[in-house]
C-alpha atoms as a PDB file:
ATOM      1  CA  MET A   1     -10.080   9.971  10.110  1.00  0.00           C
ATOM      2  CA  GLN A   2      -7.437  10.371   7.389  1.00  0.00           C
ATOM      3  CA  ILE A   3      -3.902  10.678   8.778  1.00  0.00           C
ATOM      4  CA  LEU A   4      -0.966  11.760   6.635  1.00  0.00           C
ATOM      5  CA  ARG A   5       2.592  13.037   6.660  1.00  0.00           C
ATOM      6  CA  PHE A   6       3.434  16.207   4.800  1.00  0.00           C
ATOM      7  CA  ASN A   7       5.990  18.926   4.075  1.00  0.00           C
ATOM      8  CA  SER A   8       8.915  18.667   6.538  1.00  0.00           C
ATOM      9  CA  ASP A   9       7.888  15.463   8.339  1.00  0.00           C
ATOM     10  CA  GLN A  10       4.731  16.917   9.861  1.00  0.00           C
ATOM     11  CA  ILE A  11       1.725  14.780  10.767  1.00  0.00           C
ATOM     12  CA  GLY A  12      -1.708  15.969   9.725  1.00  0.00           C
ATOM     13  CA  VAL A  13      -5.377  15.005   9.671  1.00  0.00           C
ATOM     14  CA  VAL A  14      -7.648  15.737   6.721  1.00  0.00           C
ATOM     15  CA  LYS A  15     -10.462  18.185   7.404  1.00  0.00           C
ATOM     16  CA  GLY A  16     -12.567  18.527   4.259  1.00  0.00           C
ATOM     17  CA  ASP A  17     -10.180  19.865   1.621  1.00  0.00           C
ATOM     18  CA  HIS A  18      -7.737  21.101   4.287  1.00  0.00           C
ATOM     19  CA  VAL A  19      -5.127  19.516   6.551  1.00  0.00           C
ATOM     20  CA  VAL A  20      -4.724  20.278  10.248  1.00  0.00           C
ATOM     21  CA  ASP A  21      -1.200  19.840  11.645  1.00  0.00           C
ATOM     22  CA  ILE A  22      -1.296  17.632  14.769  1.00  0.00           C
ATOM     23  CA  SER A  23       2.478  17.197  15.117  1.00  0.00           C
ATOM     24  CA  SER A  24       2.557  19.130  18.398  1.00  0.00           C
ATOM     25  CA  LEU A  25       0.463  16.429  20.065  1.00  0.00           C
ATOM     26  CA  ILE A  26       2.851  13.576  19.361  1.00  0.00           C
ATOM     27  CA  PRO A  27       6.424  13.342  20.672  1.00  0.00           C
ATOM     28  CA  HIS A  28       9.160  12.689  18.102  1.00  0.00           C
ATOM     29  CA  ILE A  29      11.363  10.017  19.620  1.00  0.00           C
ATOM     30  CA  ASP A  30      15.124   9.636  18.894  1.00  0.00           C
ATOM     31  CA  ILE A  31      16.773   9.738  15.476  1.00  0.00           C
ATOM     32  CA  ARG A  32      14.038   7.885  13.595  1.00  0.00           C
ATOM     33  CA  GLY A  33      11.927  10.994  13.990  1.00  0.00           C
ATOM     34  CA  GLY A  34       8.678  10.781  12.060  1.00  0.00           C
ATOM     35  CA  GLN A  35       8.532   6.996  12.018  1.00  0.00           C
ATOM     36  CA  ASN A  36       8.594   6.853  15.799  1.00  0.00           C
ATOM     37  CA  ALA A  37       6.010   9.616  15.989  1.00  0.00           C
ATOM     38  CA  MET A  38       3.690   7.712  13.645  1.00  0.00           C
ATOM     39  CA  GLU A  39       4.207   4.468  15.557  1.00  0.00           C
ATOM     40  CA  GLU A  40       3.451   6.326  18.797  1.00  0.00           C
ATOM     41  CA  LEU A  41       0.265   7.780  17.298  1.00  0.00           C
ATOM     42  CA  ILE A  42      -0.867   4.474  15.790  1.00  0.00           C
ATOM     43  CA  GLY A  43      -0.058   2.343  18.814  1.00  0.00           C
ATOM     44  CA  ASN A  44      -1.720   4.742  21.278  1.00  0.00           C
ATOM     45  CA  PHE A  45      -4.421   6.234  19.093  1.00  0.00           C
ATOM     46  CA  ASP A  46      -7.159   6.049  21.727  1.00  0.00           C
ATOM     47  CA  HIS A  47      -5.004   8.238  23.974  1.00  0.00           C
ATOM     48  CA  TYR A  48      -4.706  10.938  21.289  1.00  0.00           C
ATOM     49  CA  LYS A  49      -8.203  10.899  19.772  1.00  0.00           C
ATOM     50  CA  LYS A  50      -9.732  13.457  22.145  1.00  0.00           C
ATOM     51  CA  ASP A  51      -6.901  15.971  21.680  1.00  0.00           C
ATOM     52  CA  ILE A  52      -6.958  15.469  17.906  1.00  0.00           C
ATOM     53  CA  ALA A  53     -10.702  16.124  17.808  1.00  0.00           C
ATOM     54  CA  ALA A  54     -10.240  19.331  19.809  1.00  0.00           C
ATOM     55  CA  LEU A  55      -7.474  20.524  17.481  1.00  0.00           C
ATOM     56  CA  LEU A  56      -9.589  19.758  14.420  1.00  0.00           C
ATOM     57  CA  ALA A  57     -12.457  21.777  15.874  1.00  0.00           C
ATOM     58  CA  SER A  58     -10.266  24.785  16.668  1.00  0.00           C
ATOM     59  CA  LYS A  59      -7.963  24.997  13.629  1.00  0.00           C
ATOM     60  CA  PRO A  60      -8.964  25.669  10.007  1.00  0.00           C
ATOM     61  CA  GLY A  61      -5.881  23.935   8.603  1.00  0.00           C
ATOM     62  CA  VAL A  62      -4.137  24.577   5.302  1.00  0.00           C
ATOM     63  CA  PRO A  63      -5.446  23.620   1.847  1.00  0.00           C
ATOM     64  CA  LEU A  64      -4.512  20.127   0.698  1.00  0.00           C
ATOM     65  CA  ALA A  65      -3.501  21.629  -2.625  1.00  0.00           C
ATOM     66  CA  GLN A  66      -0.759  23.646  -0.903  1.00  0.00           C
ATOM     67  CA  ILE A  67       1.074  20.825   0.867  1.00  0.00           C
ATOM     68  CA  LYS A  68       3.532  18.184  -0.254  1.00  0.00           C
ATOM     69  CA  LEU A  69       2.343  14.717   0.683  1.00  0.00           C
ATOM     70  CA  LEU A  70       4.934  12.286   2.040  1.00  0.00           C
ATOM     71  CA  PRO A  71       4.678   8.507   2.475  1.00  0.00           C
ATOM     72  CA  PRO A  72       2.148   7.893   5.275  1.00  0.00           C
ATOM     73  CA  LEU A  73       4.869   6.024   7.171  1.00  0.00           C
ATOM     74  CA  VAL A  74       8.600   6.741   6.970  1.00  0.00           C
ATOM     75  CA  ARG A  75      10.135   3.287   7.197  1.00  0.00           C
ATOM     76  CA  PRO A  76       7.874   0.608   8.711  1.00  0.00           C
ATOM     77  CA  GLY A  77       9.441  -2.223  10.631  1.00  0.00           C
ATOM     78  CA  ARG A  78       7.788  -4.668   8.253  1.00  0.00           C
ATOM     79  CA  VAL A  79       6.123  -4.391   4.841  1.00  0.00           C
ATOM     80  CA  MET A  80       4.641  -7.646   3.580  1.00  0.00           C
ATOM     81  CA  ALA A  81       2.346  -8.613   0.727  1.00  0.00           C
ATOM     82  CA  ALA A  82       0.017 -11.527   0.114  1.00  0.00           C
ATOM     83  CA  PHE A  83       0.925 -13.820  -2.764  1.00  0.00           C
ATOM     84  CA  ALA A  84      -1.780 -14.853  -5.284  1.00  0.00           C
ATOM     85  CA  ASN A  85      -4.649 -14.026  -2.912  1.00  0.00           C
ATOM     86  CA  TYR A  86      -7.497 -13.374  -5.372  1.00  0.00           C
ATOM     87  CA  LEU A  87     -10.037 -15.602  -7.077  1.00  0.00           C
ATOM     88  CA  ASP A  88      -9.211 -14.192 -10.508  1.00  0.00           C
ATOM     89  CA  ASP A  89      -9.439 -17.510 -12.325  1.00  0.00           C
ATOM     90  CA  PRO A  90     -12.701 -19.541 -12.579  1.00  0.00           C
ATOM     91  CA  SER A  91     -10.815 -22.682 -11.586  1.00  0.00           C
ATOM     92  CA  ARG A  92      -9.681 -21.186  -8.259  1.00  0.00           C
ATOM     93  CA  THR A  93     -11.591 -21.638  -5.009  1.00  0.00           C
ATOM     94  CA  LYS A  94     -10.808 -20.389  -1.528  1.00  0.00           C
ATOM     95  CA  ASP A  95      -9.801 -23.881  -0.495  1.00  0.00           C
ATOM     96  CA  SER A  96      -7.367 -24.156  -3.412  1.00  0.00           C
ATOM     97  CA  VAL A  97      -5.518 -20.899  -2.666  1.00  0.00           C
ATOM     98  CA  THR A  98      -2.608 -21.338  -0.266  1.00  0.00           C
ATOM     99  CA  ILE A  99      -2.045 -18.402   2.042  1.00  0.00           C
ATOM    100  CA  GLU A 100       1.482 -17.024   1.588  1.00  0.00           C
ATOM    101  CA  PHE A 101       3.386 -13.727   1.911  1.00  0.00           C
ATOM    102  CA  PHE A 102       6.638 -12.097   0.847  1.00  0.00           C
ATOM    103  CA  HIS A 103       8.619  -9.156   2.168  1.00  0.00           C
ATOM    104  CA  LYS A 104       8.764  -5.807   0.408  1.00  0.00           C
ATOM    105  CA  CYS A 105      11.495  -3.246   0.953  1.00  0.00           C
ATOM    106  CA  SER A 106      10.371  -0.969   3.786  1.00  0.00           C
ATOM    107  CA  THR A 107      11.458   2.201   1.974  1.00  0.00           C
ATOM    108  CA  LEU A 108       8.105   3.626   0.892  1.00  0.00           C
ATOM    109  CA  VAL A 109       7.404   5.950  -2.032  1.00  0.00           C
ATOM    110  CA  GLY A 110       4.786   8.596  -1.295  1.00  0.00           C
ATOM    111  CA  PRO A 111       2.389  10.496  -3.577  1.00  0.00           C
ATOM    112  CA  GLY A 112       4.243  12.291  -6.354  1.00  0.00           C
ATOM    113  CA  GLY A 113       7.363  10.253  -5.588  1.00  0.00           C
ATOM    114  CA  LEU A 114       9.568   8.293  -7.958  1.00  0.00           C
ATOM    115  CA  ILE A 115       9.408   4.542  -8.573  1.00  0.00           C
ATOM    116  CA  GLU A 116      12.752   3.554 -10.098  1.00  0.00           C
ATOM    117  CA  LEU A 117      12.978   0.648 -12.539  1.00  0.00           C
ATOM    118  CA  PRO A 118      16.501  -0.816 -12.569  1.00  0.00           C
ATOM    119  CA  GLU A 119      18.059  -2.278 -15.715  1.00  0.00           C
ATOM    120  CA  ILE A 120      17.922  -6.054 -15.139  1.00  0.00           C
ATOM    121  CA  PRO A 121      18.432  -7.973 -18.421  1.00  0.00           C
ATOM    122  CA  GLN A 122      16.284 -10.960 -17.367  1.00  0.00           C
ATOM    123  CA  VAL A 123      13.205  -8.844 -16.692  1.00  0.00           C
ATOM    124  CA  THR A 124      10.428  -9.367 -19.232  1.00  0.00           C
ATOM    125  CA  VAL A 125       8.028  -6.730 -17.898  1.00  0.00           C
ATOM    126  CA  TYR A 126       7.593  -4.315 -15.000  1.00  0.00           C
ATOM    127  CA  GLN A 127       4.133  -3.933 -13.498  1.00  0.00           C
ATOM    128  CA  ALA A 128       2.481  -2.036 -10.650  1.00  0.00           C
ATOM    129  CA  GLU A 129      -0.202  -4.040  -8.855  1.00  0.00           C
ATOM    130  CA  ALA A 130      -2.868  -1.849  -7.249  1.00  0.00           C
ATOM    131  CA  GLU A 131      -3.788  -3.336  -3.877  1.00  0.00           C
ATOM    132  CA  LEU A 132      -5.586  -2.648  -0.633  1.00  0.00           C
ATOM    133  CA  ALA A 133      -3.123  -2.566   2.271  1.00  0.00           C
ATOM    134  CA  PHE A 134      -3.783  -2.384   5.985  1.00  0.00           C
ATOM    135  CA  VAL A 135      -1.734  -0.993   8.881  1.00  0.00           C
ATOM    136  CA  ILE A 136      -1.305  -2.870  12.141  1.00  0.00           C
ATOM    137  CA  GLY A 137      -2.500  -0.846  15.133  1.00  0.00           C
ATOM    138  CA  LYS A 138      -1.435  -2.928  18.108  1.00  0.00           C
ATOM    139  CA  PRO A 139       0.929  -5.866  18.607  1.00  0.00           C
ATOM    140  CA  ALA A 140      -0.383  -9.128  17.176  1.00  0.00           C
ATOM    141  CA  HIS A 141       1.129 -12.486  18.039  1.00  0.00           C
ATOM    142  CA  ARG A 142      -0.830 -15.716  17.711  1.00  0.00           C
ATOM    143  CA  VAL A 143      -4.180 -13.983  17.515  1.00  0.00           C
ATOM    144  CA  SER A 144      -7.340 -15.739  16.348  1.00  0.00           C
ATOM    145  CA  GLU A 145      -9.432 -14.692  13.355  1.00  0.00           C
ATOM    146  CA  ALA A 146     -12.110 -13.530  15.779  1.00  0.00           C
ATOM    147  CA  GLN A 147      -9.608 -11.154  17.424  1.00  0.00           C
ATOM    148  CA  ALA A 148      -7.702 -10.158  14.312  1.00  0.00           C
ATOM    149  CA  MET A 149      -9.604  -7.066  13.144  1.00  0.00           C
ATOM    150  CA  ASP A 150      -9.037  -5.432  16.542  1.00  0.00           C
ATOM    151  CA  HIS A 151      -5.390  -5.170  15.473  1.00  0.00           C
ATOM    152  CA  VAL A 152      -6.059  -3.152  12.287  1.00  0.00           C
ATOM    153  CA  PHE A 153      -5.413   0.568  12.616  1.00  0.00           C
ATOM    154  CA  GLY A 154      -6.375   1.584   9.088  1.00  0.00           C
ATOM    155  CA  TYR A 155      -6.087   1.161   5.327  1.00  0.00           C
ATOM    156  CA  ILE A 156      -3.944   2.569   2.490  1.00  0.00           C
ATOM    157  CA  PRO A 157      -3.959   2.313  -1.336  1.00  0.00           C
ATOM    158  CA  PHE A 158      -0.745   0.443  -2.206  1.00  0.00           C
ATOM    159  CA  PHE A 159       1.219  -0.327  -5.388  1.00  0.00           C
ATOM    160  CA  ASP A 160       3.182  -3.591  -5.268  1.00  0.00           C
ATOM    161  CA  VAL A 161       5.683  -2.941  -8.070  1.00  0.00           C
ATOM    162  CA  SER A 162       6.962  -6.151  -9.655  1.00  0.00           C
ATOM    163  CA  ALA A 163       9.700  -7.197 -12.061  1.00  0.00           C
ATOM    164  CA  ARG A 164       8.558 -10.265 -14.017  1.00  0.00           C
ATOM    165  CA  GLY A 165      10.716 -12.926 -15.622  1.00  0.00           C
ATOM    166  CA  LEU A 166      13.148 -13.564 -12.783  1.00  0.00           C
ATOM    167  CA  ASN A 167      13.669 -16.738 -10.761  1.00  0.00           C
ATOM    168  CA  ARG A 168      10.352 -17.166  -8.923  1.00  0.00           C
ATOM    169  CA  ARG A 169      11.917 -19.191  -6.131  1.00  0.00           C
ATOM    170  CA  SER A 170      12.931 -15.842  -4.674  1.00  0.00           C
ATOM    171  CA  GLN A 171      10.901 -12.627  -4.548  1.00  0.00           C
ATOM    172  CA  LEU A 172      13.902 -10.489  -3.561  1.00  0.00           C
ATOM    173  CA  LEU A 173      14.817  -9.082  -6.984  1.00  0.00           C
ATOM    174  CA  GLY A 174      11.337  -9.143  -8.433  1.00  0.00           C
ATOM    175  CA  LYS A 175       9.493  -7.593  -5.486  1.00  0.00           C
ATOM    176  CA  GLY A 176      12.073  -6.221  -3.059  1.00  0.00           C
ATOM    177  CA  GLN A 177      13.722  -3.356  -4.955  1.00  0.00           C
ATOM    178  CA  GLU A 178      14.212  -0.120  -3.022  1.00  0.00           C
ATOM    179  CA  THR A 179      11.258   1.814  -4.491  1.00  0.00           C
ATOM    180  CA  PHE A 180       8.882  -1.050  -5.268  1.00  0.00           C
ATOM    181  CA  ALA A 181       6.389  -0.161  -2.503  1.00  0.00           C
ATOM    182  CA  ALA A 182       4.370   2.982  -3.249  1.00  0.00           C
ATOM    183  CA  CYS A 183       1.395   4.077  -1.184  1.00  0.00           C
ATOM    184  CA  GLY A 184      -0.850   6.973  -0.234  1.00  0.00           C
ATOM    185  CA  PRO A 185      -2.325   9.473  -0.051  1.00  0.00           C
ATOM    186  CA  TRP A 186      -3.000   8.750   3.640  1.00  0.00           C
ATOM    187  CA  ILE A 187      -4.058   6.179   6.214  1.00  0.00           C
ATOM    188  CA  THR A 188      -7.832   5.975   6.658  1.00  0.00           C
ATOM    189  CA  THR A 189      -8.619   4.707  10.147  1.00  0.00           C
ATOM    190  CA  ALA A 190     -10.471   1.405  10.412  1.00  0.00           C
ATOM    191  CA  ASP A 191     -13.570   2.943  12.018  1.00  0.00           C
ATOM    192  CA  GLU A 192     -14.300   4.698   8.697  1.00  0.00           C
ATOM    193  CA  ILE A 193     -14.452   1.439   6.710  1.00  0.00           C
ATOM    194  CA  ALA A 194     -17.395  -0.773   7.626  1.00  0.00           C
ATOM    195  CA  ASP A 195     -16.320  -3.608   5.327  1.00  0.00           C
ATOM    196  CA  PRO A 196     -12.839  -3.704   3.741  1.00  0.00           C
ATOM    197  CA  LEU A 197     -14.070  -6.508   1.477  1.00  0.00           C
ATOM    198  CA  ALA A 198     -16.554  -4.138  -0.175  1.00  0.00           C
ATOM    199  CA  LEU A 199     -14.129  -1.691  -1.774  1.00  0.00           C
ATOM    200  CA  ASN A 200     -13.352  -0.864  -5.407  1.00  0.00           C
ATOM    201  CA  VAL A 201      -9.706  -0.728  -6.529  1.00  0.00           C
ATOM    202  CA  LYS A 202      -8.667   1.131  -9.685  1.00  0.00           C
ATOM    203  CA  SER A 203      -5.371   1.985 -11.327  1.00  0.00           C
ATOM    204  CA  TRP A 204      -4.341   4.098 -14.308  1.00  0.00           C
ATOM    205  CA  ILE A 205      -1.171   4.030 -16.397  1.00  0.00           C
ATOM    206  CA  ALA A 206      -0.421   7.167 -18.408  1.00  0.00           C
ATOM    207  CA  GLY A 207      -4.039   8.235 -17.977  1.00  0.00           C
ATOM    208  CA  THR A 208      -5.627   4.966 -19.157  1.00  0.00           C
ATOM    209  CA  LEU A 209      -7.716   2.940 -16.715  1.00  0.00           C
ATOM    210  CA  ARG A 210      -6.213  -0.548 -16.429  1.00  0.00           C
ATOM    211  CA  GLN A 211      -7.346  -2.217 -13.203  1.00  0.00           C
ATOM    212  CA  ASP A 212     -10.875  -2.059 -11.853  1.00  0.00           C
ATOM    213  CA  TYR A 213     -11.838  -4.759  -9.352  1.00  0.00           C
ATOM    214  CA  GLU A 214     -13.581  -5.426  -6.056  1.00  0.00           C
ATOM    215  CA  THR A 215     -11.930  -6.585  -2.849  1.00  0.00           C
ATOM    216  CA  LYS A 216     -14.775  -9.093  -2.353  1.00  0.00           C
ATOM    217  CA  TYR A 217     -12.810 -11.477  -4.603  1.00  0.00           C
ATOM    218  CA  MET A 218     -10.077 -11.833  -1.964  1.00  0.00           C
ATOM    219  CA  ALA A 219      -9.478 -15.512  -1.234  1.00  0.00           C
ATOM    220  CA  HIS A 220      -8.243 -15.051   2.334  1.00  0.00           C
ATOM    221  CA  SER A 221      -9.828 -12.227   4.324  1.00  0.00           C
ATOM    222  CA  ILE A 222      -7.845  -9.682   6.291  1.00  0.00           C
ATOM    223  CA  SER A 223      -8.710 -11.431   9.556  1.00  0.00           C
ATOM    224  CA  ALA A 224      -7.452 -14.733   8.114  1.00  0.00           C
ATOM    225  CA  GLN A 225      -4.241 -13.072   6.939  1.00  0.00           C
ATOM    226  CA  ILE A 226      -3.527 -11.584  10.364  1.00  0.00           C
ATOM    227  CA  ALA A 227      -4.318 -14.839  12.148  1.00  0.00           C
ATOM    228  CA  TRP A 228      -2.012 -16.805   9.851  1.00  0.00           C
ATOM    229  CA  LEU A 229       0.858 -14.301   9.815  1.00  0.00           C
ATOM    230  CA  SER A 230       0.783 -13.731  13.550  1.00  0.00           C
ATOM    231  CA  GLN A 231       1.459 -17.409  14.176  1.00  0.00           C
ATOM    232  CA  PHE A 232       4.950 -16.916  12.722  1.00  0.00           C
ATOM    233  CA  VAL A 233       5.868 -13.233  13.119  1.00  0.00           C
ATOM    234  CA  HIS A 234       5.206 -10.570  15.715  1.00  0.00           C
ATOM    235  CA  LEU A 235       3.180  -7.850  13.986  1.00  0.00           C
ATOM    236  CA  ARG A 236       3.712  -4.400  15.477  1.00  0.00           C
ATOM    237  CA  PRO A 237       2.111  -0.954  15.196  1.00  0.00           C
ATOM    238  CA  GLY A 238       2.970   0.627  11.857  1.00  0.00           C
ATOM    239  CA  ASP A 239       3.587  -2.644   9.997  1.00  0.00           C
ATOM    240  CA  ILE A 240       1.959  -2.668   6.552  1.00  0.00           C
ATOM    241  CA  ILE A 241       0.382  -5.728   4.922  1.00  0.00           C
ATOM    242  CA  ALA A 242      -0.753  -5.582   1.283  1.00  0.00           C
ATOM    243  CA  THR A 243      -3.609  -8.000   0.596  1.00  0.00           C
ATOM    244  CA  GLY A 244      -2.862  -9.165  -2.960  1.00  0.00           C
ATOM    245  CA  VAL A 245      -4.184  -8.296  -6.410  1.00  0.00           C
ATOM    246  CA  TYR A 246      -6.848  -9.307  -8.889  1.00  0.00           C
ATOM    247  CA  HIS A 247      -4.588  -9.813 -11.910  1.00  0.00           C
ATOM    248  CA  GLU A 248      -7.030  -8.849 -14.662  1.00  0.00           C
ATOM    249  CA  GLY A 249      -6.039  -5.515 -16.182  1.00  0.00           C
ATOM    250  CA  LEU A 250      -2.384  -5.551 -15.188  1.00  0.00           C
ATOM    251  CA  TRP A 251      -0.294  -3.653 -17.722  1.00  0.00           C
ATOM    252  CA  PRO A 252       3.385  -2.780 -18.225  1.00  0.00           C
ATOM    253  CA  ILE A 253       4.871   0.315 -16.673  1.00  0.00           C
ATOM    254  CA  ASN A 254       7.806   2.084 -18.299  1.00  0.00           C
ATOM    255  CA  VAL A 255      10.233   4.863 -17.442  1.00  0.00           C
ATOM    256  CA  GLY A 256       8.409   8.153 -17.983  1.00  0.00           C
ATOM    257  CA  ASP A 257       4.939   6.894 -17.034  1.00  0.00           C
ATOM    258  CA  THR A 258       2.688   8.364 -14.383  1.00  0.00           C
ATOM    259  CA  ILE A 259       0.661   5.748 -12.528  1.00  0.00           C
ATOM    260  CA  GLU A 260      -2.338   6.334 -10.266  1.00  0.00           C
ATOM    261  CA  ILE A 261      -4.277   4.320  -7.731  1.00  0.00           C
ATOM    262  CA  GLU A 262      -7.680   4.944  -6.211  1.00  0.00           C
ATOM    263  CA  ILE A 263      -9.621   2.871  -3.684  1.00  0.00           C
ATOM    264  CA  SER A 264     -13.155   3.842  -2.782  1.00  0.00           C
ATOM    265  CA  LYS A 265     -13.295   5.743   0.542  1.00  0.00           C
ATOM    266  CA  LEU A 266      -9.471   5.685   0.811  1.00  0.00           C
ATOM    267  CA  GLY A 267      -8.407   8.344  -1.688  1.00  0.00           C
ATOM    268  CA  ARG A 268      -6.299   8.618  -4.818  1.00  0.00           C
ATOM    269  CA  ALA A 269      -2.543   9.019  -5.335  1.00  0.00           C
ATOM    270  CA  SER A 270      -0.208   9.284  -8.321  1.00  0.00           C
ATOM    271  CA  PHE A 271       3.446   8.323  -8.712  1.00  0.00           C
ATOM    272  CA  ASN A 272       6.122   8.873 -11.330  1.00  0.00           C
ATOM    273  CA  VAL A 273       8.146   6.084 -12.946  1.00  0.00           C
ATOM    274  CA  GLY A 274      11.868   6.583 -13.594  1.00  0.00           C
ATOM    275  CA  GLY A 275      15.085   4.611 -13.324  1.00  0.00           C
ATOM    276  CA  ASP A 276      17.773   3.327 -15.665  1.00  0.00           C
ATOM    277  CA  SER A 277      15.747   0.595 -17.391  1.00  0.00           C
ATOM    278  CA  ALA A 278      16.480   1.303 -21.057  1.00  0.00           C
ATOM    279  CA  PHE A 279      13.614  -0.535 -22.710  1.00  0.00           C
ATOM    280  CA  LYS A 280       9.905  -0.059 -23.148  1.00  0.00           C
ATOM    281  CA  HIS A 281       7.225  -2.729 -23.343  1.00  0.00           C
ATOM    282  CA  ILE A 282       4.695  -2.250 -26.123  1.00  0.00           C
ATOM    283  CA  ASN A 283       2.019  -4.367 -27.852  1.00  0.00           C
ATOM    284  CA  PHE A 284       1.343  -6.167 -24.580  1.00  0.00           C
ATOM    285  CA  ARG A 285      -0.932  -9.203 -24.528  1.00  0.00           C
ATOM    286  CA  PRO A 286      -2.712  -9.597 -21.165  1.00  0.00           C
ATOM    287  CA  GLY A 287      -2.365 -12.982 -19.549  1.00  0.00           C
ATOM    288  CA  GLY A 288      -3.168 -14.889 -16.384  1.00  0.00           C
ATOM    289  CA  GLY A 289      -1.660 -14.795 -12.915  1.00  0.00           C
ATOM    290  CA  GLY A 290       1.754 -13.695 -14.203  1.00  0.00           C
ATOM    291  CA  GLY A 291       0.210 -10.544 -15.586  1.00  0.00           C
ATOM    292  CA  GLY A 292       0.646 -11.045 -19.320  1.00  0.00           C
ATOM    293  CA  VAL A 293       3.143 -11.543 -22.111  1.00  0.00           C
ATOM    294  CA  PRO A 294       5.288  -8.715 -23.527  1.00  0.00           C
ATOM    295  CA  MET A 295       5.086  -8.942 -27.333  1.00  0.00           C
ATOM    296  CA  THR A 296       7.829  -6.412 -28.085  1.00  0.00           C
ATOM    297  CA  ARG A 297      10.746  -5.083 -26.071  1.00  0.00           C
ATOM    298  CA  VAL A 298      12.484  -2.011 -27.494  1.00  0.00           C
END
């Protein structure tokens, strides 16, 4: 099942090339509105599945082309991303990759939305890392790897936008800007994905394919990530965890670009790049884990 938010904070389910509005099934709770409704749906999905199926069978829905997609979640309690979690260098092995995470801002940009690049003089390049992300479906605290996948509600294509060249002892400026987490088009429920480590991730910048990799190169699996994280934080329904990136193919993004992400079986979404960053990166030379070296800044 593909679950999305659209138009004026409605919740829908994809039915072919249409969307069926299921908002009436889910109570909107207090002033957080749609976020609480999505957390209610995600955390109690088994309770709603039968009614959703009946609504899908009885309603034709509206064409996808006629709706405005919103971020799949309004403002998750926690958005985190894995750090350096891919075997994208021949010298790296699973045993040599330390599992680690950083926080992203929980203000999400949805399909067609605007990623804003701020003017920060120390920045050498902005990049958008195309990643597989997963959504927590039920509370997870100190769970084992064997139990971990039971806590996954579904999966989303996710851009981890990054500002390179800043002090790497802190990810706040480089990773935590207000619009540096873009995702969509929807959440695909876990039952639709037999193996999340058998997916293809692609990204385009201004129409040119840049990233094209397989999730099988992940150093630490999703179950390992949940087991590790849940030892230290309480994961709750609606939390989003991005699983890291295979760095090959990363390219600069600039104000005025359109960037797109597609993950097999999960859909495709595009985003616009704006902001007050006054320079453009050109003549870029791809590099290693840092993403590359900007040859010219104008």
